[in-house]
Amino acid sequence: MNNLIPKGSKSLTEARGLITSDYQAYLEKEWISNLKKKYPVEINKSVFETIK
């Protein structure tokens, strides 16, 4: 567990999984942000009071 990996660049094949994962997370955050702007949450208070 104490093995150190020296600094250096990774090849595309070595870094592809990390890059894909980070990009997917970025796209999901952007998508959710756009959905929240397009479809804001509205709570009908009278209905909400009946289910309390």
N, C-alpha and C. Protein backbone atom coordinates (compact mmCIF):
# COMPACT_ATOMS: atom_id res chain seq x y z
N MET A 1 0.82 -1.19 0.00
CA MET A 1 0.00 0.00 0.00
C MET A 1 0.86 1.25 0.00
N ASN A 2 2.13 1.12 0.28
CA ASN A 2 3.03 2.27 0.33
C ASN A 2 3.78 2.49 -0.98
N ASN A 3 3.35 1.86 -2.05
CA ASN A 3 4.02 2.06 -3.33
C ASN A 3 3.65 3.42 -3.89
N LEU A 4 4.64 4.18 -4.27
CA LEU A 4 4.42 5.50 -4.87
C LEU A 4 4.58 5.39 -6.37
N ILE A 5 3.69 6.04 -7.07
CA ILE A 5 3.77 6.09 -8.52
C ILE A 5 4.41 7.42 -8.88
N PRO A 6 5.48 7.40 -9.66
CA PRO A 6 6.14 8.66 -10.00
C PRO A 6 5.24 9.56 -10.84
N LYS A 7 5.49 10.87 -10.74
CA LYS A 7 4.74 11.84 -11.54
C LYS A 7 4.97 11.57 -13.01
N GLY A 8 3.99 11.90 -13.78
CA GLY A 8 4.14 11.74 -15.21
C GLY A 8 2.79 11.75 -15.89
N SER A 9 2.83 11.84 -17.18
CA SER A 9 1.61 11.83 -17.97
C SER A 9 1.16 10.40 -18.20
N LYS A 10 -0.14 10.24 -18.29
CA LYS A 10 -0.71 8.93 -18.60
C LYS A 10 -1.08 8.92 -20.07
N SER A 11 -1.06 7.75 -20.64
CA SER A 11 -1.53 7.63 -22.02
C SER A 11 -3.05 7.72 -22.01
N LEU A 12 -3.61 7.92 -23.18
CA LEU A 12 -5.06 8.02 -23.29
C LEU A 12 -5.73 6.74 -22.80
N THR A 13 -5.17 5.60 -23.12
CA THR A 13 -5.78 4.35 -22.70
C THR A 13 -5.73 4.19 -21.18
N GLU A 14 -4.69 4.72 -20.54
CA GLU A 14 -4.59 4.64 -19.09
C GLU A 14 -5.56 5.59 -18.40
N ALA A 15 -5.83 6.73 -19.02
CA ALA A 15 -6.66 7.76 -18.39
C ALA A 15 -8.10 7.76 -18.89
N ARG A 16 -8.42 6.95 -19.87
CA ARG A 16 -9.75 6.99 -20.49
C ARG A 16 -10.88 6.81 -19.48
N GLY A 17 -10.76 5.87 -18.57
CA GLY A 17 -11.82 5.63 -17.59
C GLY A 17 -12.05 6.83 -16.69
N LEU A 18 -10.97 7.44 -16.21
CA LEU A 18 -11.10 8.62 -15.35
C LEU A 18 -11.72 9.79 -16.11
N ILE A 19 -11.28 9.98 -17.33
CA ILE A 19 -11.80 11.07 -18.15
C ILE A 19 -13.28 10.87 -18.42
N THR A 20 -13.65 9.67 -18.79
CA THR A 20 -15.05 9.36 -19.09
C THR A 20 -15.93 9.57 -17.86
N SER A 21 -15.46 9.12 -16.72
CA SER A 21 -16.22 9.26 -15.47
C SER A 21 -16.41 10.72 -15.10
N ASP A 22 -15.35 11.51 -15.18
CA ASP A 22 -15.44 12.93 -14.84
C ASP A 22 -16.36 13.67 -15.81
N TYR A 23 -16.26 13.35 -17.09
CA TYR A 23 -17.09 14.02 -18.09
C TYR A 23 -18.56 13.64 -17.90
N GLN A 24 -18.83 12.39 -17.58
CA GLN A 24 -20.20 11.95 -17.33
C GLN A 24 -20.79 12.70 -16.14
N ALA A 25 -20.01 12.85 -15.08
CA ALA A 25 -20.48 13.59 -13.89
C ALA A 25 -20.77 15.04 -14.25
N TYR A 26 -19.90 15.65 -15.07
CA TYR A 26 -20.10 17.03 -15.51
C TYR A 26 -21.40 17.15 -16.31
N LEU A 27 -21.61 16.23 -17.25
CA LEU A 27 -22.82 16.28 -18.08
C LEU A 27 -24.08 16.11 -17.24
N GLU A 28 -24.05 15.22 -16.25
CA GLU A 28 -25.20 15.02 -15.38
C GLU A 28 -25.52 16.27 -14.58
N LYS A 29 -24.50 16.94 -14.06
CA LYS A 29 -24.72 18.18 -13.30
C LYS A 29 -25.33 19.26 -14.18
N GLU A 30 -24.83 19.40 -15.41
CA GLU A 30 -25.36 20.39 -16.34
C GLU A 30 -26.81 20.06 -16.70
N TRP A 31 -27.10 18.79 -16.93
CA TRP A 31 -28.45 18.36 -17.30
C TRP A 31 -29.43 18.66 -16.19
N ILE A 32 -29.06 18.32 -14.95
CA ILE A 32 -29.94 18.57 -13.80
C ILE A 32 -30.15 20.07 -13.61
N SER A 33 -29.10 20.85 -13.78
CA SER A 33 -29.22 22.30 -13.65
C SER A 33 -30.19 22.85 -14.69
N ASN A 34 -30.08 22.39 -15.92
CA ASN A 34 -30.99 22.84 -16.98
C ASN A 34 -32.42 22.41 -16.72
N LEU A 35 -32.61 21.20 -16.21
CA LEU A 35 -33.97 20.74 -15.88
C LEU A 35 -34.58 21.58 -14.77
N LYS A 36 -33.79 21.94 -13.76
CA LYS A 36 -34.30 22.77 -12.66
C LYS A 36 -34.71 24.15 -13.16
N LYS A 37 -33.97 24.69 -14.13
CA LYS A 37 -34.33 26.00 -14.69
C LYS A 37 -35.59 25.89 -15.54
N LYS A 38 -35.70 24.82 -16.31
CA LYS A 38 -36.82 24.66 -17.23
C LYS A 38 -38.11 24.28 -16.50
N TYR A 39 -38.00 23.46 -15.45
CA TYR A 39 -39.17 22.96 -14.73
C TYR A 39 -39.04 23.27 -13.23
N PRO A 40 -39.29 24.51 -12.83
CA PRO A 40 -39.17 24.84 -11.41
C PRO A 40 -40.22 24.10 -10.58
N VAL A 41 -39.86 23.79 -9.36
CA VAL A 41 -40.76 23.07 -8.45
C VAL A 41 -41.79 24.04 -7.88
N GLU A 42 -43.05 23.66 -7.98
CA GLU A 42 -44.13 24.45 -7.41
C GLU A 42 -44.93 23.53 -6.48
N ILE A 43 -45.15 23.98 -5.27
CA ILE A 43 -45.89 23.18 -4.29
C ILE A 43 -47.27 23.80 -4.09
N ASN A 44 -48.29 22.99 -4.29
CA ASN A 44 -49.66 23.41 -4.05
C ASN A 44 -49.89 23.29 -2.55
N LYS A 45 -49.94 24.44 -1.87
CA LYS A 45 -50.00 24.44 -0.40
C LYS A 45 -51.26 23.77 0.14
N SER A 46 -52.37 23.95 -0.53
CA SER A 46 -53.61 23.33 -0.01
C SER A 46 -53.53 21.81 -0.08
N VAL A 47 -52.95 21.28 -1.13
CA VAL A 47 -52.78 19.82 -1.24
C VAL A 47 -51.74 19.36 -0.23
N PHE A 48 -50.70 20.12 -0.08
CA PHE A 48 -49.64 19.76 0.86
C PHE A 48 -50.18 19.68 2.28
N GLU A 49 -51.05 20.60 2.65
CA GLU A 49 -51.63 20.60 3.99
C GLU A 49 -52.51 19.37 4.23
N THR A 50 -53.14 18.87 3.19
CA THR A 50 -54.01 17.70 3.37
C THR A 50 -53.22 16.41 3.57
N ILE A 51 -51.98 16.37 3.14
CA ILE A 51 -51.20 15.14 3.28
C ILE A 51 -50.26 15.16 4.47
N LYS A 52 -50.23 16.24 5.22
CA LYS A 52 -49.37 16.32 6.40
C LYS A 52 -49.78 15.34 7.45
